[in-house]
Amino acid sequence: MGIVLLIYHISVPVNERSQTWNRSRQHIKISTMKAKTTVNIYQQAQRFADITNTLIRTGNIQRAKCYLLKAENIFNTGTAEIKNVITNVYLFSVSGFIERHHCNIKNLLPESLRNEYYKQVNTSGL
């Protein structure tokens, strides 16, 4: 709602100078809001991965599996951007932690996340 009001304010300028200033100011605000939203999604995925890693480290495997299932649900029902976030942030962090602690990935990761993990591992860096 705030963005709509800001855009309406831009469309009714007092003079040419205020129009230019308001457009540049509002453009900065709108682009900043978009950037914060994107960063926030990545931060949330990293926090979710940190919690999952802590659960695995403390031996609470059943609860960690619940978090992995929730991540799989988000991955399966999410948009392309959400799938990208889950794959690049969450799965990368969790799978790296699992590998370092010599856990069995096949038993821990749900099917779709396991398939994405195999894609990450088998993709060449070329």
C-alpha atoms as a PDB file:
ATOM      1  CA  MET A   1       0.000   0.000   0.000  1.00  0.00           C
ATOM      2  CA  GLY A   2       2.878   2.331   0.815  1.00  0.00           C
ATOM      3  CA  ILE A   3       4.418   1.841  -2.610  1.00  0.00           C
ATOM      4  CA  VAL A   4       1.157   2.679  -4.351  1.00  0.00           C
ATOM      5  CA  LEU A   5       0.876   5.892  -2.365  1.00  0.00           C
ATOM      6  CA  LEU A   6       4.494   6.785  -3.138  1.00  0.00           C
ATOM      7  CA  ILE A   7       3.944   6.232  -6.839  1.00  0.00           C
ATOM      8  CA  TYR A   8       0.770   8.370  -6.721  1.00  0.00           C
ATOM      9  CA  HIS A   9       2.830  11.095  -5.043  1.00  0.00           C
ATOM     10  CA  ILE A  10       5.327  10.917  -7.894  1.00  0.00           C
ATOM     11  CA  SER A  11       2.636  11.281 -10.544  1.00  0.00           C
ATOM     12  CA  VAL A  12       1.414  14.608  -9.099  1.00  0.00           C
ATOM     13  CA  PRO A  13       4.528  16.823  -8.990  1.00  0.00           C
ATOM     14  CA  VAL A  14       4.505  20.405  -7.794  1.00  0.00           C
ATOM     15  CA  ASN A  15       7.099  21.476 -10.347  1.00  0.00           C
ATOM     16  CA  GLU A  16       9.730  19.924 -12.612  1.00  0.00           C
ATOM     17  CA  ARG A  17      12.492  20.041 -10.002  1.00  0.00           C
ATOM     18  CA  SER A  18      10.426  18.261  -7.355  1.00  0.00           C
ATOM     19  CA  GLN A  19       9.315  15.684  -9.923  1.00  0.00           C
ATOM     20  CA  THR A  20      12.912  14.722 -10.743  1.00  0.00           C
ATOM     21  CA  TRP A  21      13.905  14.679  -7.082  1.00  0.00           C
ATOM     22  CA  ASN A  22      10.878  12.676  -5.999  1.00  0.00           C
ATOM     23  CA  ARG A  23      11.329  10.118  -8.768  1.00  0.00           C
ATOM     24  CA  SER A  24      14.972   9.519  -7.916  1.00  0.00           C
ATOM     25  CA  ARG A  25      14.232   9.371  -4.200  1.00  0.00           C
ATOM     26  CA  GLN A  26      11.320   6.979  -4.619  1.00  0.00           C
ATOM     27  CA  HIS A  27      13.287   4.835  -7.059  1.00  0.00           C
ATOM     28  CA  ILE A  28      15.985   4.434  -4.426  1.00  0.00           C
ATOM     29  CA  LYS A  29      13.427   3.526  -1.780  1.00  0.00           C
ATOM     30  CA  ILE A  30      11.672   0.967  -3.968  1.00  0.00           C
ATOM     31  CA  SER A  31      14.924  -0.667  -5.124  1.00  0.00           C
ATOM     32  CA  THR A  32      16.192  -0.717  -1.528  1.00  0.00           C
ATOM     33  CA  MET A  33      13.011  -2.448  -0.406  1.00  0.00           C
ATOM     34  CA  LYS A  34      13.429  -5.104  -3.091  1.00  0.00           C
ATOM     35  CA  ALA A  35      17.056  -5.658  -2.114  1.00  0.00           C
ATOM     36  CA  LYS A  36      16.148  -6.086   1.550  1.00  0.00           C
ATOM     37  CA  THR A  37      13.478  -8.638   0.663  1.00  0.00           C
ATOM     38  CA  THR A  38      15.907 -10.702  -1.407  1.00  0.00           C
ATOM     39  CA  VAL A  39      18.621 -10.539   1.237  1.00  0.00           C
ATOM     40  CA  ASN A  40      16.054 -11.404   3.873  1.00  0.00           C
ATOM     41  CA  ILE A  41      15.076 -14.599   2.047  1.00  0.00           C
ATOM     42  CA  TYR A  42      18.709 -15.697   1.924  1.00  0.00           C
ATOM     43  CA  GLN A  43      19.208 -14.817   5.578  1.00  0.00           C
ATOM     44  CA  GLN A  44      16.142 -16.835   6.553  1.00  0.00           C
ATOM     45  CA  ALA A  45      17.360 -19.839   4.574  1.00  0.00           C
ATOM     46  CA  GLN A  46      20.771 -19.589   6.224  1.00  0.00           C
ATOM     47  CA  ARG A  47      19.191 -19.365   9.675  1.00  0.00           C
ATOM     48  CA  PHE A  48      17.035 -22.406   8.862  1.00  0.00           C
ATOM     49  CA  ALA A  49      20.195 -24.269   7.793  1.00  0.00           C
ATOM     50  CA  ASP A  50      22.009 -23.236  10.967  1.00  0.00           C
ATOM     51  CA  ILE A  51      19.173 -24.619  13.098  1.00  0.00           C
ATOM     52  CA  THR A  52      19.190 -27.882  11.142  1.00  0.00           C
ATOM     53  CA  ASN A  53      22.971 -28.161  11.526  1.00  0.00           C
ATOM     54  CA  THR A  54      22.697 -27.556  15.269  1.00  0.00           C
ATOM     55  CA  LEU A  55      20.059 -30.271  15.589  1.00  0.00           C
ATOM     56  CA  ILE A  56      22.275 -32.753  13.747  1.00  0.00           C
ATOM     57  CA  ARG A  57      25.324 -31.779  15.817  1.00  0.00           C
ATOM     58  CA  THR A  58      23.445 -32.221  19.106  1.00  0.00           C
ATOM     59  CA  GLY A  59      22.115 -35.616  18.020  1.00  0.00           C
ATOM     60  CA  ASN A  60      18.480 -34.621  17.629  1.00  0.00           C
ATOM     61  CA  ILE A  61      18.171 -36.440  14.302  1.00  0.00           C
ATOM     62  CA  GLN A  62      14.379 -36.890  14.371  1.00  0.00           C
ATOM     63  CA  ARG A  63      13.797 -33.168  14.737  1.00  0.00           C
ATOM     64  CA  ALA A  64      16.443 -32.466  12.084  1.00  0.00           C
ATOM     65  CA  LYS A  65      14.555 -34.779   9.734  1.00  0.00           C
ATOM     66  CA  CYS A  66      11.397 -32.727  10.398  1.00  0.00           C
ATOM     67  CA  TYR A  67      13.270 -29.578   9.376  1.00  0.00           C
ATOM     68  CA  LEU A  68      14.599 -31.317   6.274  1.00  0.00           C
ATOM     69  CA  LEU A  69      11.064 -32.421   5.384  1.00  0.00           C
ATOM     70  CA  LYS A  70       9.848 -28.837   5.826  1.00  0.00           C
ATOM     71  CA  ALA A  71      12.639 -27.645   3.554  1.00  0.00           C
ATOM     72  CA  GLU A  72      11.632 -30.267   0.998  1.00  0.00           C
ATOM     73  CA  ASN A  73       8.010 -29.107   1.209  1.00  0.00           C
ATOM     74  CA  ILE A  74       9.091 -25.503   0.665  1.00  0.00           C
ATOM     75  CA  PHE A  75      11.290 -26.635  -2.226  1.00  0.00           C
ATOM     76  CA  ASN A  76       8.497 -28.631  -3.883  1.00  0.00           C
ATOM     77  CA  THR A  77       5.817 -25.952  -3.541  1.00  0.00           C
ATOM     78  CA  GLY A  78       7.948 -22.828  -3.960  1.00  0.00           C
ATOM     79  CA  THR A  79       8.609 -20.575  -6.895  1.00  0.00           C
ATOM     80  CA  ALA A  80      11.785 -20.791  -8.959  1.00  0.00           C
ATOM     81  CA  GLU A  81      13.416 -18.185  -6.714  1.00  0.00           C
ATOM     82  CA  ILE A  82      12.526 -20.133  -3.565  1.00  0.00           C
ATOM     83  CA  LYS A  83      13.851 -23.359  -5.103  1.00  0.00           C
ATOM     84  CA  ASN A  84      17.055 -21.537  -5.934  1.00  0.00           C
ATOM     85  CA  VAL A  85      17.377 -20.282  -2.352  1.00  0.00           C
ATOM     86  CA  ILE A  86      16.738 -23.718  -0.863  1.00  0.00           C
ATOM     87  CA  THR A  87      19.268 -25.319  -3.196  1.00  0.00           C
ATOM     88  CA  ASN A  88      22.022 -22.717  -3.038  1.00  0.00           C
ATOM     89  CA  VAL A  89      21.810 -21.653   0.594  1.00  0.00           C
ATOM     90  CA  TYR A  90      20.022 -24.262   2.687  1.00  0.00           C
ATOM     91  CA  LEU A  91      21.057 -27.469   0.951  1.00  0.00           C
ATOM     92  CA  PHE A  92      24.616 -26.291   0.335  1.00  0.00           C
ATOM     93  CA  SER A  93      25.073 -25.455   4.018  1.00  0.00           C
ATOM     94  CA  VAL A  94      23.390 -28.560   5.399  1.00  0.00           C
ATOM     95  CA  SER A  95      25.020 -30.998   2.969  1.00  0.00           C
ATOM     96  CA  GLY A  96      28.455 -29.542   3.663  1.00  0.00           C
ATOM     97  CA  PHE A  97      27.891 -29.951   7.388  1.00  0.00           C
ATOM     98  CA  ILE A  98      26.610 -33.510   6.907  1.00  0.00           C
ATOM     99  CA  GLU A  99      29.656 -34.439   4.817  1.00  0.00           C
ATOM    100  CA  ARG A 100      32.109 -32.972   7.323  1.00  0.00           C
ATOM    101  CA  HIS A 101      30.520 -34.962  10.133  1.00  0.00           C
ATOM    102  CA  HIS A 102      30.364 -38.191   8.089  1.00  0.00           C
ATOM    103  CA  CYS A 103      26.591 -38.632   8.283  1.00  0.00           C
ATOM    104  CA  ASN A 104      24.758 -40.862   5.816  1.00  0.00           C
ATOM    105  CA  ILE A 105      23.156 -38.496   3.336  1.00  0.00           C
ATOM    106  CA  LYS A 106      20.919 -41.168   1.853  1.00  0.00           C
ATOM    107  CA  ASN A 107      19.207 -41.769   5.210  1.00  0.00           C
ATOM    108  CA  LEU A 108      19.026 -38.128   6.253  1.00  0.00           C
ATOM    109  CA  LEU A 109      17.939 -36.131   3.172  1.00  0.00           C
ATOM    110  CA  PRO A 110      14.424 -36.460   1.705  1.00  0.00           C
ATOM    111  CA  GLU A 111      14.202 -37.603  -1.906  1.00  0.00           C
ATOM    112  CA  SER A 112      13.911 -34.291  -3.768  1.00  0.00           C
ATOM    113  CA  LEU A 113      16.632 -32.639  -1.652  1.00  0.00           C
ATOM    114  CA  ARG A 114      18.836 -35.702  -2.143  1.00  0.00           C
ATOM    115  CA  ASN A 115      18.349 -35.420  -5.917  1.00  0.00           C
ATOM    116  CA  GLU A 116      19.304 -31.724  -5.779  1.00  0.00           C
ATOM    117  CA  TYR A 117      22.324 -32.639  -3.656  1.00  0.00           C
ATOM    118  CA  TYR A 118      23.449 -35.167  -6.271  1.00  0.00           C
ATOM    119  CA  LYS A 119      23.025 -32.490  -8.955  1.00  0.00           C
ATOM    120  CA  GLN A 120      25.280 -30.175  -6.938  1.00  0.00           C
ATOM    121  CA  VAL A 121      27.911 -32.827  -6.401  1.00  0.00           C
ATOM    122  CA  ASN A 122      27.924 -34.123  -9.971  1.00  0.00           C
ATOM    123  CA  THR A 123      27.890 -30.721 -11.684  1.00  0.00           C
ATOM    124  CA  SER A 124      31.322 -29.797 -12.923  1.00  0.00           C
ATOM    125  CA  GLY A 125      32.672 -26.346 -12.176  1.00  0.00           C
ATOM    126  CA  LEU A 126      33.386 -25.664 -15.828  1.00  0.00           C
END
